[in-house]
Protein backbone atom coordinates (compact mmCIF):
# COMPACT_ATOMS: atom_id res chain seq x y z
CA MET A 1 -18.70 -4.14 -1.09
CA ARG A 2 -16.20 -1.82 0.51
CA ILE A 3 -12.60 -1.52 1.58
CA VAL A 4 -12.76 -1.76 5.37
CA SER A 5 -9.50 -0.13 6.47
CA GLY A 6 -6.27 1.56 5.49
CA ARG A 7 -5.63 4.44 3.13
CA LEU A 8 -8.60 3.47 0.91
CA LYS A 9 -11.00 2.86 3.81
CA GLY A 10 -14.63 3.37 2.88
CA ILE A 11 -14.27 3.05 -0.89
CA ARG A 12 -17.30 1.18 -2.12
CA PHE A 13 -17.41 -0.84 -5.31
CA SER A 14 -20.02 -2.92 -7.03
CA ILE A 15 -19.32 -5.94 -9.10
CA PRO A 16 -21.19 -6.36 -12.38
CA LYS A 17 -24.28 -8.58 -12.42
CA LYS A 18 -23.60 -12.21 -13.34
CA PHE A 19 -19.99 -11.76 -12.22
CA PRO A 20 -18.25 -15.18 -12.13
CA SER A 21 -17.02 -14.79 -8.56
CA ARG A 22 -18.30 -14.99 -4.99
CA PRO A 23 -16.43 -12.38 -2.94
CA THR A 24 -15.61 -12.81 0.73
CA THR A 25 -18.34 -11.02 2.69
CA ASP A 26 -17.52 -7.67 4.29
CA PHE A 27 -18.32 -9.22 7.70
CA ALA A 28 -15.85 -12.11 7.28
CA LYS A 29 -13.24 -9.87 5.61
CA GLU A 30 -13.39 -7.32 8.42
CA ALA A 31 -13.03 -10.09 11.02
CA LEU A 32 -10.06 -11.57 9.14
CA PHE A 33 -8.25 -8.25 8.90
CA ASN A 34 -8.91 -7.51 12.58
CA ILE A 35 -7.05 -10.75 13.38
CA LEU A 36 -4.21 -9.85 11.02
CA GLN A 37 -3.96 -6.27 12.29
CA HIS A 38 -3.29 -7.57 15.79
CA SER A 39 -0.85 -10.33 14.84
CA ILE A 40 1.29 -9.18 11.90
CA ASP A 41 2.62 -6.04 10.25
CA ILE A 42 1.12 -6.00 6.76
CA GLU A 43 3.13 -3.00 5.67
CA ASP A 44 6.01 -4.02 3.39
CA MET A 45 4.81 -7.64 3.07
CA SER A 46 4.68 -9.61 -0.15
CA VAL A 47 1.25 -11.19 -0.54
CA LEU A 48 -0.14 -13.81 -2.91
CA ASP A 49 -3.92 -13.77 -3.38
CA LEU A 50 -5.06 -17.02 -5.04
CA PHE A 51 -8.48 -17.31 -6.69
CA ALA A 52 -8.59 -13.51 -6.42
CA GLY A 53 -11.99 -13.07 -8.07
CA THR A 54 -13.00 -9.42 -7.68
CA GLY A 55 -9.67 -8.55 -6.06
CA ASN A 56 -11.51 -7.79 -2.82
CA ILE A 57 -8.81 -9.22 -0.54
CA SER A 58 -5.98 -7.79 -2.67
CA TYR A 59 -7.45 -4.29 -2.28
CA GLU A 60 -7.45 -4.67 1.50
CA PHE A 61 -3.77 -5.61 1.53
CA ALA A 62 -2.88 -2.75 -0.84
CA SER A 63 -4.90 -0.31 1.29
CA ARG A 64 -2.76 -1.37 4.27
CA TYR A 65 0.51 -0.71 2.37
CA ALA A 66 1.53 -4.23 1.49
CA LYS A 67 4.70 -3.86 -0.59
CA LYS A 68 3.58 -6.31 -3.25
CA VAL A 69 0.33 -8.15 -3.94
CA VAL A 70 0.15 -10.76 -6.71
CA SER A 71 -3.49 -11.59 -7.54
CA VAL A 72 -3.97 -14.85 -9.42
CA GLU A 73 -7.28 -15.43 -11.18
CA GLN A 74 -8.02 -17.38 -14.34
CA ASN A 75 -11.21 -15.54 -15.40
CA TYR A 76 -10.58 -12.67 -17.81
CA SER A 77 -13.65 -10.67 -16.63
CA CYS A 78 -12.28 -10.71 -13.09
CA ILE A 79 -8.80 -9.63 -14.22
CA LYS A 80 -10.32 -6.81 -16.29
CA PHE A 81 -12.35 -5.62 -13.27
CA MET A 82 -9.24 -5.70 -11.06
CA ARG A 83 -7.21 -3.72 -13.57
CA GLU A 84 -9.91 -1.03 -13.67
CA MET A 85 -10.04 -0.85 -9.86
CA ILE A 86 -6.23 -0.74 -9.60
CA LYS A 87 -6.04 2.13 -12.09
CA GLN A 88 -8.97 4.06 -10.63
CA HIS A 89 -7.67 3.90 -7.04
CA GLU A 90 -3.91 3.93 -7.73
CA MET A 91 -3.20 0.54 -6.18
CA ASP A 92 0.14 0.06 -7.91
CA ALA A 93 1.27 -2.61 -5.43
CA ILE A 94 -1.18 -5.08 -7.01
CA THR A 95 -0.18 -7.18 -10.01
CA PRO A 96 -3.08 -9.12 -11.50
CA ASN A 97 -2.01 -12.40 -13.07
CA GLN A 98 -4.42 -14.28 -15.32
CA ALA A 99 -3.58 -17.92 -14.72
CA GLU A 100 -5.00 -21.16 -13.42
CA VAL A 101 -3.86 -21.38 -9.78
CA PHE A 102 -2.13 -24.78 -9.93
CA SER A 103 -0.30 -23.80 -13.14
CA TYR A 104 0.85 -20.58 -11.49
CA LEU A 105 2.03 -22.33 -8.32
CA ASN A 106 3.88 -25.03 -10.23
CA ALA A 107 5.64 -22.50 -12.49
CA SER A 108 6.47 -19.82 -9.91
CA THR A 109 9.64 -19.88 -7.84
CA GLU A 110 8.70 -16.76 -5.88
CA THR A 111 8.05 -16.95 -2.13
CA PHE A 112 5.67 -14.76 -0.13
CA ASP A 113 5.23 -13.50 3.42
CA LEU A 114 1.50 -14.25 3.27
CA ILE A 115 -0.65 -16.36 0.98
CA PHE A 116 -4.42 -16.08 0.95
CA ALA A 117 -6.55 -18.58 -1.00
CA ASP A 118 -10.30 -18.44 -1.49
CA PRO A 119 -11.21 -21.25 -3.91
CA PRO A 120 -14.80 -21.63 -5.08
CA TYR A 121 -16.86 -23.54 -2.52
CA ASP A 122 -17.42 -26.43 -4.93
CA PHE A 123 -13.63 -26.81 -5.18
CA LYS A 124 -12.49 -30.39 -4.58
CA LYS A 125 -8.70 -30.00 -4.55
CA TYR A 126 -8.20 -28.35 -1.14
CA PRO A 127 -5.74 -31.02 0.06
CA GLU A 128 -3.66 -30.68 -3.12
CA LEU A 129 -3.64 -26.87 -2.82
CA VAL A 130 -2.57 -26.97 0.85
CA LYS A 131 0.16 -29.49 0.07
CA ILE A 132 1.65 -27.44 -2.78
CA ILE A 133 1.73 -24.24 -0.74
CA LEU A 134 3.16 -25.81 2.41
CA GLU A 135 5.53 -28.36 0.91
CA GLN A 136 6.91 -26.54 -2.13
CA ASN A 137 8.38 -23.53 -0.30
CA LYS A 138 5.85 -20.96 -1.48
CA LEU A 139 5.99 -19.23 1.93
CA LYS A 140 8.97 -17.46 3.39
CA GLU A 141 10.19 -18.50 6.82
CA GLY A 142 7.79 -17.01 9.35
CA GLY A 143 5.13 -16.90 6.61
CA LEU A 144 1.38 -17.24 6.99
CA PHE A 145 -1.07 -19.12 4.76
CA ILE A 146 -4.79 -18.43 5.15
CA LEU A 147 -7.31 -20.71 3.47
CA GLU A 148 -10.97 -19.71 3.19
CA HIS A 149 -13.28 -22.73 3.00
CA GLY A 150 -16.67 -24.14 3.94
CA LYS A 151 -17.53 -26.10 7.08
CA GLU A 152 -17.26 -29.46 5.30
CA TRP A 153 -13.47 -29.12 5.15
CA GLY A 154 -11.08 -29.44 8.09
CA PHE A 155 -7.32 -29.09 8.22
CA SER A 156 -6.41 -29.37 11.91
CA ASP A 157 -4.38 -32.52 11.26
CA VAL A 158 -2.19 -30.87 8.58
CA LYS A 159 1.40 -29.97 9.46
CA HIS A 160 1.78 -26.22 10.08
CA PHE A 161 -1.96 -25.80 10.87
CA SER A 162 -2.23 -23.14 13.55
CA TYR A 163 -5.90 -22.31 14.17
CA LEU A 164 -9.38 -21.96 12.67
CA ARG A 165 -11.78 -19.00 12.76
CA ASN A 166 -15.45 -19.37 11.83
CA TYR A 167 -17.67 -16.50 10.66
CA GLY A 168 -21.08 -17.85 9.74
CA GLY A 169 -20.64 -20.05 6.68
CA VAL A 170 -17.07 -18.81 6.16
CA GLN A 171 -14.11 -20.52 7.77
CA PHE A 172 -10.50 -19.42 7.73
CA SER A 173 -7.77 -21.98 8.43
CA PHE A 174 -4.40 -20.47 9.37
CA PHE A 175 -1.10 -22.22 8.69
CA GLU A 176 2.26 -20.86 9.86
CA ILE A 177 5.80 -21.63 8.77
CA GLU A 178 7.89 -21.08 11.88
CA ASN A 179 11.23 -19.28 11.86
CA GLU A 180 14.09 -21.71 12.38
């Protein structure tokens, strides 16, 4: 795995064997960040990375000078790995938070410019996750929510759905909260 762009471009990292996470592929991640690079200014954004796993997506945002990245992951091994990466590569914008995602969302009153969620593919609570993020004011006005999911899920009928991008077995659904 590698960081594909920004100040840490080219840094490669390997996750330990039997790691309890399935990171977004470099191909899909590069495609996602190409879309973002041409549509938003990541610099100075506040970002929430849900189901952060290895921290792969968080590192990309930090490399592109996001002001703040909160990475939520319930697995201690993943949090430990992220902390080591953050320290080693001086990614002080990232705050790893060991918590179950729904517990975090229900307890937090913070809002973000961008929320990225990559639940495990056997995850069954996609509709509940989308509803909490979009209906409980987790995004700032003008905010963007990106949900990574498999082909068996579709969200085009959900309020605030904007568009879908497909990269092999990886799909990204984009939701936007318009400025009023």
